Protein backbone atom coordinates (compact mmCIF):
# COMPACT_ATOMS: atom_id res chain seq x y z
CA MET A 1 -43.99 103.77 -168.04
CA THR A 2 -44.70 106.43 -170.39
CA TYR A 3 -46.27 110.66 -169.52
CA LEU A 4 -49.74 108.84 -170.16
CA ILE A 5 -49.96 107.88 -166.40
CA TYR A 6 -49.11 111.10 -164.92
CA VAL A 7 -51.58 112.96 -166.89
CA ALA A 8 -53.94 110.47 -166.23
CA MET A 9 -53.27 110.78 -162.27
CA PHE A 10 -53.76 114.44 -162.35
CA GLY A 11 -56.70 114.03 -164.66
CA THR A 12 -58.20 111.71 -161.62
CA ALA A 13 -57.07 114.39 -159.23
CA ALA A 14 -59.13 116.82 -161.55
CA THR A 15 -62.01 115.03 -161.05
CA ILE A 16 -62.30 114.23 -157.38
CA PHE A 17 -61.31 117.41 -156.88
CA LEU A 18 -64.34 119.04 -158.99
CA TRP A 19 -66.66 116.44 -157.28
CA LEU A 20 -65.49 117.03 -153.79
CA ARG A 21 -65.93 120.90 -153.97
CA ASP A 22 -69.54 120.03 -155.19
CA ALA A 23 -70.20 118.59 -152.38
CA ARG A 24 -68.92 120.91 -150.26
CA ILE A 25 -70.65 124.35 -152.15
CA PHE A 26 -74.19 121.62 -151.75
CA PHE A 27 -73.80 121.54 -148.33
CA ARG A 28 -72.82 125.01 -147.32
CA THR A 29 -75.85 126.15 -149.68
CA GLY A 30 -78.39 123.31 -150.19
CA LEU A 31 -78.93 124.08 -154.15
CA PRO A 32 -80.10 121.32 -155.60
CA GLY A 33 -78.11 121.52 -158.52
CA TYR A 34 -74.66 121.24 -157.31
CA ARG A 35 -76.24 118.76 -154.59
CA LYS A 36 -76.99 116.47 -158.07
CA ALA A 37 -72.97 118.01 -159.35
CA ALA A 38 -72.28 115.98 -156.13
CA TYR A 39 -74.16 112.67 -156.91
CA TRP A 40 -72.95 111.95 -159.92
CA GLY A 41 -69.48 113.33 -159.87
CA VAL A 42 -69.65 110.16 -157.12
CA LEU A 43 -69.75 108.11 -160.58
CA TYR A 44 -67.27 110.51 -162.44
CA GLY A 45 -64.81 109.73 -160.21
CA ALA A 46 -65.22 106.36 -159.85
CA VAL A 47 -65.15 106.10 -163.87
CA ALA A 48 -62.14 108.09 -163.80
CA THR A 49 -60.63 106.39 -161.26
CA LEU A 50 -61.28 103.18 -163.34
CA GLY A 51 -60.06 104.93 -166.67
CA THR A 52 -56.22 105.45 -164.63
CA LEU A 53 -56.28 101.71 -163.87
CA ILE A 54 -56.30 100.79 -166.51
CA THR A 55 -53.72 103.33 -167.77
CA LEU A 56 -51.30 102.11 -165.16
CA THR A 57 -52.18 98.18 -165.44
CA THR A 58 -52.18 98.06 -169.57
CA GLY A 59 -49.43 99.22 -172.33
CA THR A 60 -51.52 98.88 -175.17
CA PHE A 61 -55.47 100.44 -173.68
CA GLU A 62 -53.50 103.40 -172.02
CA LEU A 63 -55.51 105.42 -174.39
CA LEU A 64 -58.94 103.87 -173.38
CA GLY A 65 -57.74 104.78 -170.01
CA LEU A 66 -57.17 108.45 -171.12
CA GLY A 67 -61.15 108.23 -172.95
CA LEU A 68 -62.78 107.10 -170.14
CA ILE A 69 -60.85 110.27 -168.05
CA LEU A 70 -61.92 112.65 -170.00
CA GLY A 71 -65.13 111.54 -170.42
CA ALA A 72 -65.50 112.07 -166.75
CA LEU A 73 -64.87 115.60 -166.92
CA TYR A 74 -66.53 116.34 -169.87
CA LEU A 75 -69.60 114.49 -168.20
CA GLN A 76 -69.29 116.35 -164.49
CA GLY A 77 -68.50 120.04 -167.08
CA GLN A 78 -72.20 119.28 -168.31
CA ILE A 79 -74.25 119.55 -165.26
CA GLU A 80 -75.73 122.78 -164.83
CA ARG A 81 -75.91 124.44 -162.24
CA GLU A 82 -76.66 127.53 -160.04
CA LYS A 83 -74.96 131.28 -160.31
CA VAL A 84 -73.17 131.61 -155.93
CA TRP A 85 -70.37 134.19 -156.78
CA LYS A 86 -71.42 137.72 -156.85
CA ASN A 87 -67.80 139.53 -156.76
CA GLU A 88 -65.88 136.95 -155.82
CA ASP A 89 -62.09 136.14 -156.29
CA THR A 90 -61.02 132.59 -158.12
CA PHE A 91 -59.22 131.36 -155.11
CA GLN A 92 -62.29 131.53 -153.53
CA ARG A 93 -64.20 130.15 -156.36
CA PHE A 94 -61.41 127.09 -156.97
CA ILE A 95 -61.59 126.35 -153.32
CA GLY A 96 -65.68 126.11 -153.60
CA SER A 97 -66.05 128.33 -150.26
CA VAL A 98 -69.40 130.32 -150.58
CA PRO A 99 -71.69 132.34 -147.97
CA ILE A 100 -73.65 129.48 -145.84
CA HIS A 101 -76.93 129.87 -146.95
CA ARG A 102 -79.98 127.00 -146.11
CA MET A 103 -82.86 126.21 -148.33
CA ASN A 104 -84.39 125.03 -145.21
CA LYS A 105 -82.75 126.58 -142.21
CA LYS A 106 -85.28 127.96 -139.48
């Protein structure tokens, strides 16, 4: 058991956190870029979880598992999203706090 297992767990946690943040922003704003990011985040979270399982269970393929996790993080960051923040601080951006502006609001 090496330190790479902890790196894999942290990478998976980051991937899932970013997916949940994108989902929260989508539910608060209804923007299509965050909708796409939230949908794809499910797949990337599953790939990162698979990478963690590969890293945990096999001693010889732990670099393959880390590669899956890094690939999921990279692809998750490549999705185009709209600009939703103007002057918010870092913590507000970190937790995905945005004003509620629904697209189909009556």
